Amino acid sequence: MSDEEKALIRTMKRCNIPTRKIVAVLAYIRGGMDKLPYNKRKVSNYGTTINRELENSDVMEVQQYFENKQAESPGFCYSMEVYAKNKVRSVFWTDARSRIMYQEYG
């Protein structure tokens, strides 16, 4: 697998594209399934490696997103409750408009 193909697989995995479709795209790029020097299993194994890398990054991405939103809009606030082993128990967020509506209508 070339570095470019690995990067493409990584991108497609992040977009939740199934392995069979990833293989189909790679085969199309190479000119057919017979020209693909690896099989679905190798692509699946590489996808598993990517999933392991991304396993704990989703909460960090959410937190970064919330921090950016808070910097853009001072009325935005959020709270995350975490278990002992850094497992998220709950997430709450609200924006300025929602807070105004809550004050107005309860």
Protein backbone atom coordinates (compact mmCIF):
# COMPACT_ATOMS: atom_id res chain seq x y z
CA MET A 1 0.00 0.00 0.00
CA SER A 2 1.39 3.38 -0.92
CA ASP A 3 1.41 6.29 1.52
CA GLU A 4 -1.18 8.03 -0.67
CA GLU A 5 -3.48 5.00 -0.50
CA LYS A 6 -3.07 4.83 3.27
CA ALA A 7 -3.99 8.51 3.53
CA LEU A 8 -7.03 7.90 1.34
CA ILE A 9 -8.09 4.92 3.46
CA ARG A 10 -7.66 7.03 6.60
CA THR A 11 -9.88 9.76 5.10
CA MET A 12 -12.55 7.31 4.03
CA LYS A 13 -12.53 5.59 7.45
CA ARG A 14 -13.07 8.96 9.15
CA CYS A 15 -16.09 9.41 6.86
CA ASN A 16 -17.44 6.01 7.97
CA ILE A 17 -17.21 4.49 4.51
CA PRO A 18 -17.46 0.67 4.72
CA THR A 19 -14.38 -1.39 3.91
CA ARG A 20 -15.97 -2.98 0.82
CA LYS A 21 -16.56 0.47 -0.67
CA ILE A 22 -13.03 1.57 0.23
CA VAL A 23 -11.68 -1.47 -1.62
CA ALA A 24 -13.92 -0.64 -4.60
CA VAL A 25 -12.56 2.93 -4.75
CA LEU A 26 -8.96 1.74 -4.48
CA ALA A 27 -9.56 -0.86 -7.21
CA TYR A 28 -11.11 1.79 -9.45
CA ILE A 29 -8.09 4.05 -8.96
CA ARG A 30 -5.72 1.19 -9.79
CA GLY A 31 -7.71 0.13 -12.86
CA GLY A 32 -9.58 -2.90 -11.53
CA MET A 33 -9.62 -5.48 -8.77
CA ASP A 34 -7.03 -7.59 -10.60
CA LYS A 35 -4.54 -4.70 -10.38
CA LEU A 36 -4.98 -4.24 -6.63
CA PRO A 37 -1.87 -5.72 -4.92
CA TYR A 38 -3.74 -6.33 -1.63
CA ASN A 39 -7.12 -7.70 -0.62
CA LYS A 40 -10.06 -6.60 1.53
CA ARG A 41 -8.51 -8.20 4.61
CA LYS A 42 -5.39 -5.99 4.42
CA VAL A 43 -7.55 -2.89 4.03
CA SER A 44 -9.69 -4.03 6.97
CA ASN A 45 -6.59 -4.64 9.12
CA TYR A 46 -5.27 -1.17 8.29
CA GLY A 47 -8.71 0.24 9.16
CA THR A 48 -8.52 -1.48 12.55
CA THR A 49 -5.15 0.19 13.16
CA ILE A 50 -6.69 3.57 12.32
CA ASN A 51 -9.65 2.92 14.63
CA ARG A 52 -7.29 2.17 17.51
CA GLU A 53 -5.51 5.47 16.93
CA LEU A 54 -8.81 7.38 16.86
CA GLU A 55 -10.41 5.48 19.75
CA ASN A 56 -9.80 8.07 22.45
CA SER A 57 -9.65 11.18 20.32
CA ASP A 58 -13.40 11.72 19.85
CA VAL A 59 -13.93 13.30 23.27
CA MET A 60 -10.88 15.48 22.80
CA GLU A 61 -12.30 16.64 19.45
CA VAL A 62 -15.64 17.49 21.09
CA GLN A 63 -13.89 19.42 23.84
CA GLN A 64 -11.80 21.34 21.28
CA TYR A 65 -14.97 22.13 19.31
CA PHE A 66 -16.67 23.44 22.47
CA GLU A 67 -13.65 25.56 23.36
CA ASN A 68 -13.67 27.09 19.87
CA LYS A 69 -17.41 27.79 20.09
CA GLN A 70 -16.93 29.42 23.48
CA ALA A 71 -14.17 31.65 22.09
CA GLU A 72 -16.44 32.69 19.18
CA SER A 73 -19.53 33.23 21.31
CA PRO A 74 -19.22 34.29 24.95
CA GLY A 75 -22.80 33.11 25.60
CA PHE A 76 -21.87 29.52 24.76
CA CYS A 77 -21.12 27.26 27.71
CA TYR A 78 -20.58 23.57 28.23
CA SER A 79 -19.92 21.06 30.96
CA MET A 80 -18.55 17.52 30.84
CA GLU A 81 -18.90 15.05 33.68
CA VAL A 82 -16.21 12.35 33.68
CA TYR A 83 -16.00 8.99 35.48
CA ALA A 84 -12.89 7.92 37.36
CA LYS A 85 -11.24 6.24 34.35
CA ASN A 86 -11.67 9.28 32.06
CA LYS A 87 -14.95 7.93 30.69
CA VAL A 88 -17.50 10.61 29.85
CA ARG A 89 -20.67 10.31 31.88
CA SER A 90 -22.54 13.32 30.53
CA VAL A 91 -22.13 16.35 28.31
CA PHE A 92 -24.18 19.54 28.45
CA TRP A 93 -23.93 22.58 26.21
CA THR A 94 -26.01 25.61 25.44
CA ASP A 95 -25.71 28.76 23.39
CA ALA A 96 -26.72 32.36 24.12
CA ARG A 97 -30.03 32.10 22.26
CA SER A 98 -31.07 28.99 24.20
CA ARG A 99 -30.20 30.68 27.49
CA ILE A 100 -32.32 33.70 26.58
CA MET A 101 -35.22 31.44 25.61
CA TYR A 102 -34.91 29.55 28.89
CA GLN A 103 -35.04 32.81 30.88
CA GLU A 104 -38.05 33.91 28.85
CA TYR A 105 -40.09 30.69 28.83
CA GLY A 106 -38.55 28.50 31.50
